Amino acid sequence: MGNMNKNNTSNKSKVRTYQIYRHPSGNIRAVKVGFSWSAAIVASIICFTILVIIGYDKFIGVAPIIIAIVAFAFGMAVNNIFGDSLIAKSYIKVNSIEAYSKEQAVCFLCSKDGDIK
């Protein structure tokens, strides 16, 4: 991570860990490790919509708890599911890299391996 400095990142950026997957054809993908806020938000919206359709008033006391549990579960699981789907498509887990973005993680691996595409 020697090339990561304040000049190439915004003040809001944080270093995150990415799992790097490589396909035998040479394609490289990066998947963030950990919680996915976008998955949690989408899951909570879908869960709320389902509760409204089946009758929110039946669940009025526990609805926020149900929504929170579903959102947390999806937020924790979605990145692992995506990594597993890449493995099912013949990708191989190559490395774990800390970077500011998926793109930077992939570029860091390419420059380290010497095969920039």
C-alpha atoms as a PDB file:
ATOM      1  CA  MET A   1       0.000   0.000   0.000  1.00  0.00           C
ATOM      2  CA  GLY A   2       2.943   2.290  -0.481  1.00  0.00           C
ATOM      3  CA  ASN A   3       1.267   4.190  -3.320  1.00  0.00           C
ATOM      4  CA  MET A   4      -1.803   5.185  -1.278  1.00  0.00           C
ATOM      5  CA  ASN A   5      -1.482   8.758  -0.100  1.00  0.00           C
ATOM      6  CA  LYS A   6      -3.643  11.805   0.507  1.00  0.00           C
ATOM      7  CA  ASN A   7      -3.153  13.065  -3.049  1.00  0.00           C
ATOM      8  CA  ASN A   8      -5.092  10.238  -4.685  1.00  0.00           C
ATOM      9  CA  THR A   9      -8.008   9.980  -2.232  1.00  0.00           C
ATOM     10  CA  SER A  10     -10.726  12.236  -0.887  1.00  0.00           C
ATOM     11  CA  ASN A  11     -10.994  13.041   2.816  1.00  0.00           C
ATOM     12  CA  LYS A  12     -14.086  10.798   3.054  1.00  0.00           C
ATOM     13  CA  SER A  13     -12.325   7.662   1.774  1.00  0.00           C
ATOM     14  CA  LYS A  14     -11.372   4.833   4.071  1.00  0.00           C
ATOM     15  CA  VAL A  15      -9.129   1.915   3.343  1.00  0.00           C
ATOM     16  CA  ARG A  16     -11.193  -1.239   2.964  1.00  0.00           C
ATOM     17  CA  THR A  17     -10.274  -4.866   2.504  1.00  0.00           C
ATOM     18  CA  TYR A  18     -11.117  -6.535  -0.812  1.00  0.00           C
ATOM     19  CA  GLN A  19     -10.940 -10.178  -1.822  1.00  0.00           C
ATOM     20  CA  ILE A  20      -9.469 -10.468  -5.313  1.00  0.00           C
ATOM     21  CA  TYR A  21     -10.712 -13.157  -7.708  1.00  0.00           C
ATOM     22  CA  ARG A  22      -9.110 -14.056 -11.039  1.00  0.00           C
ATOM     23  CA  HIS A  23     -10.749 -15.979 -13.886  1.00  0.00           C
ATOM     24  CA  PRO A  24      -8.611 -18.327 -16.017  1.00  0.00           C
ATOM     25  CA  SER A  25      -9.342 -15.993 -18.962  1.00  0.00           C
ATOM     26  CA  GLY A  26      -7.516 -13.216 -17.066  1.00  0.00           C
ATOM     27  CA  ASN A  27     -10.525 -11.213 -15.860  1.00  0.00           C
ATOM     28  CA  ILE A  28     -10.046  -9.866 -12.314  1.00  0.00           C
ATOM     29  CA  ARG A  29     -12.839  -8.942  -9.876  1.00  0.00           C
ATOM     30  CA  ALA A  30     -12.698  -7.391  -6.400  1.00  0.00           C
ATOM     31  CA  VAL A  31     -15.295  -7.981  -3.672  1.00  0.00           C
ATOM     32  CA  LYS A  32     -15.388  -5.864  -0.515  1.00  0.00           C
ATOM     33  CA  VAL A  33     -15.084  -7.784   2.735  1.00  0.00           C
ATOM     34  CA  GLY A  34     -17.680  -7.044   5.392  1.00  0.00           C
ATOM     35  CA  PHE A  35     -21.005  -5.267   5.698  1.00  0.00           C
ATOM     36  CA  SER A  36     -22.836  -3.922   2.626  1.00  0.00           C
ATOM     37  CA  TRP A  37     -24.974  -0.860   3.380  1.00  0.00           C
ATOM     38  CA  SER A  38     -26.608  -0.928  -0.052  1.00  0.00           C
ATOM     39  CA  ALA A  39     -27.757  -4.534   0.471  1.00  0.00           C
ATOM     40  CA  ALA A  40     -29.085  -3.664   3.933  1.00  0.00           C
ATOM     41  CA  ILE A  41     -31.073  -0.700   2.598  1.00  0.00           C
ATOM     42  CA  VAL A  42     -32.543  -2.667  -0.305  1.00  0.00           C
ATOM     43  CA  ALA A  43     -33.415  -5.585   1.991  1.00  0.00           C
ATOM     44  CA  SER A  44     -35.152  -3.284   4.487  1.00  0.00           C
ATOM     45  CA  ILE A  45     -37.216  -1.647   1.712  1.00  0.00           C
ATOM     46  CA  ILE A  46     -38.253  -5.048   0.331  1.00  0.00           C
ATOM     47  CA  CYS A  47     -39.080  -6.338   3.820  1.00  0.00           C
ATOM     48  CA  PHE A  48     -41.150  -3.245   4.621  1.00  0.00           C
ATOM     49  CA  THR A  49     -43.017  -3.580   1.307  1.00  0.00           C
ATOM     50  CA  ILE A  50     -43.836  -7.234   2.010  1.00  0.00           C
ATOM     51  CA  LEU A  51     -45.059  -6.364   5.510  1.00  0.00           C
ATOM     52  CA  VAL A  52     -47.317  -3.641   4.068  1.00  0.00           C
ATOM     53  CA  ILE A  53     -48.718  -6.014   1.443  1.00  0.00           C
ATOM     54  CA  ILE A  54     -49.536  -8.794   3.914  1.00  0.00           C
ATOM     55  CA  GLY A  55     -50.871  -6.415   6.538  1.00  0.00           C
ATOM     56  CA  TYR A  56     -48.489  -4.226   8.506  1.00  0.00           C
ATOM     57  CA  ASP A  57     -51.034  -3.916  11.337  1.00  0.00           C
ATOM     58  CA  LYS A  58     -50.555  -7.622  12.163  1.00  0.00           C
ATOM     59  CA  PHE A  59     -46.877  -6.968  12.844  1.00  0.00           C
ATOM     60  CA  ILE A  60     -47.034  -3.439  14.286  1.00  0.00           C
ATOM     61  CA  GLY A  61     -45.105  -4.322  17.450  1.00  0.00           C
ATOM     62  CA  VAL A  62     -42.378  -6.417  15.863  1.00  0.00           C
ATOM     63  CA  ALA A  63     -42.117  -4.916  12.355  1.00  0.00           C
ATOM     64  CA  PRO A  64     -39.084  -2.718  13.123  1.00  0.00           C
ATOM     65  CA  ILE A  65     -37.304  -5.698  14.677  1.00  0.00           C
ATOM     66  CA  ILE A  66     -38.099  -7.925  11.680  1.00  0.00           C
ATOM     67  CA  ILE A  67     -36.885  -5.251   9.251  1.00  0.00           C
ATOM     68  CA  ALA A  68     -33.680  -4.687  11.257  1.00  0.00           C
ATOM     69  CA  ILE A  69     -32.872  -8.401  11.426  1.00  0.00           C
ATOM     70  CA  VAL A  70     -33.468  -8.920   7.697  1.00  0.00           C
ATOM     71  CA  ALA A  71     -31.428  -5.819   6.791  1.00  0.00           C
ATOM     72  CA  PHE A  72     -28.521  -6.851   9.033  1.00  0.00           C
ATOM     73  CA  ALA A  73     -28.524 -10.431   7.728  1.00  0.00           C
ATOM     74  CA  PHE A  74     -28.488  -9.336   4.089  1.00  0.00           C
ATOM     75  CA  GLY A  75     -25.892  -6.650   4.763  1.00  0.00           C
ATOM     76  CA  MET A  76     -23.556  -9.213   6.301  1.00  0.00           C
ATOM     77  CA  ALA A  77     -24.132 -11.966   3.731  1.00  0.00           C
ATOM     78  CA  VAL A  78     -24.278 -10.326   0.309  1.00  0.00           C
ATOM     79  CA  ASN A  79     -20.530  -9.834  -0.248  1.00  0.00           C
ATOM     80  CA  ASN A  80     -19.839 -13.462   0.714  1.00  0.00           C
ATOM     81  CA  ILE A  81     -22.604 -14.614  -1.630  1.00  0.00           C
ATOM     82  CA  PHE A  82     -21.101 -12.563  -4.462  1.00  0.00           C
ATOM     83  CA  GLY A  83     -17.650 -14.066  -3.828  1.00  0.00           C
ATOM     84  CA  ASP A  84     -19.124 -17.570  -3.809  1.00  0.00           C
ATOM     85  CA  SER A  85     -20.917 -16.862  -7.104  1.00  0.00           C
ATOM     86  CA  LEU A  86     -17.587 -15.863  -8.664  1.00  0.00           C
ATOM     87  CA  ILE A  87     -16.023 -19.121  -7.488  1.00  0.00           C
ATOM     88  CA  ALA A  88     -18.957 -20.992  -9.048  1.00  0.00           C
ATOM     89  CA  LYS A  89     -18.094 -19.209 -12.328  1.00  0.00           C
ATOM     90  CA  SER A  90     -14.518 -20.620 -12.231  1.00  0.00           C
ATOM     91  CA  TYR A  91     -12.896 -17.589 -10.571  1.00  0.00           C
ATOM     92  CA  ILE A  92     -10.096 -18.349  -8.135  1.00  0.00           C
ATOM     93  CA  LYS A  93      -9.575 -16.367  -4.927  1.00  0.00           C
ATOM     94  CA  VAL A  94      -6.124 -14.868  -5.375  1.00  0.00           C
ATOM     95  CA  ASN A  95      -5.456 -12.439  -2.578  1.00  0.00           C
ATOM     96  CA  SER A  96      -6.817 -10.058   0.018  1.00  0.00           C
ATOM     97  CA  ILE A  97      -5.821  -6.423  -0.555  1.00  0.00           C
ATOM     98  CA  GLU A  98      -6.428  -3.185   1.334  1.00  0.00           C
ATOM     99  CA  ALA A  99      -7.394  -0.308  -0.955  1.00  0.00           C
ATOM    100  CA  TYR A 100      -9.631   2.756  -1.217  1.00  0.00           C
ATOM    101  CA  SER A 101     -11.802   1.271  -4.004  1.00  0.00           C
ATOM    102  CA  LYS A 102     -12.444  -1.910  -5.996  1.00  0.00           C
ATOM    103  CA  GLU A 103     -10.664  -0.396  -8.964  1.00  0.00           C
ATOM    104  CA  GLN A 104      -7.582   0.445  -6.933  1.00  0.00           C
ATOM    105  CA  ALA A 105      -7.499  -3.078  -5.474  1.00  0.00           C
ATOM    106  CA  VAL A 106      -7.581  -4.596  -8.965  1.00  0.00           C
ATOM    107  CA  CYS A 107      -4.933  -2.151 -10.259  1.00  0.00           C
ATOM    108  CA  PHE A 108      -2.714  -2.826  -7.258  1.00  0.00           C
ATOM    109  CA  LEU A 109      -2.843  -6.563  -7.959  1.00  0.00           C
ATOM    110  CA  CYS A 110      -2.176  -6.041 -11.679  1.00  0.00           C
ATOM    111  CA  SER A 111       0.828  -3.782 -11.073  1.00  0.00           C
ATOM    112  CA  LYS A 112       2.162  -6.188  -8.421  1.00  0.00           C
ATOM    113  CA  ASP A 113       1.823  -9.131 -10.802  1.00  0.00           C
ATOM    114  CA  GLY A 114       3.208  -7.105 -13.703  1.00  0.00           C
ATOM    115  CA  ASP A 115       0.332  -7.912 -16.048  1.00  0.00           C
ATOM    116  CA  ILE A 116      -1.631  -4.682 -16.402  1.00  0.00           C
ATOM    117  CA  LYS A 117      -4.403  -5.187 -18.937  1.00  0.00           C
END
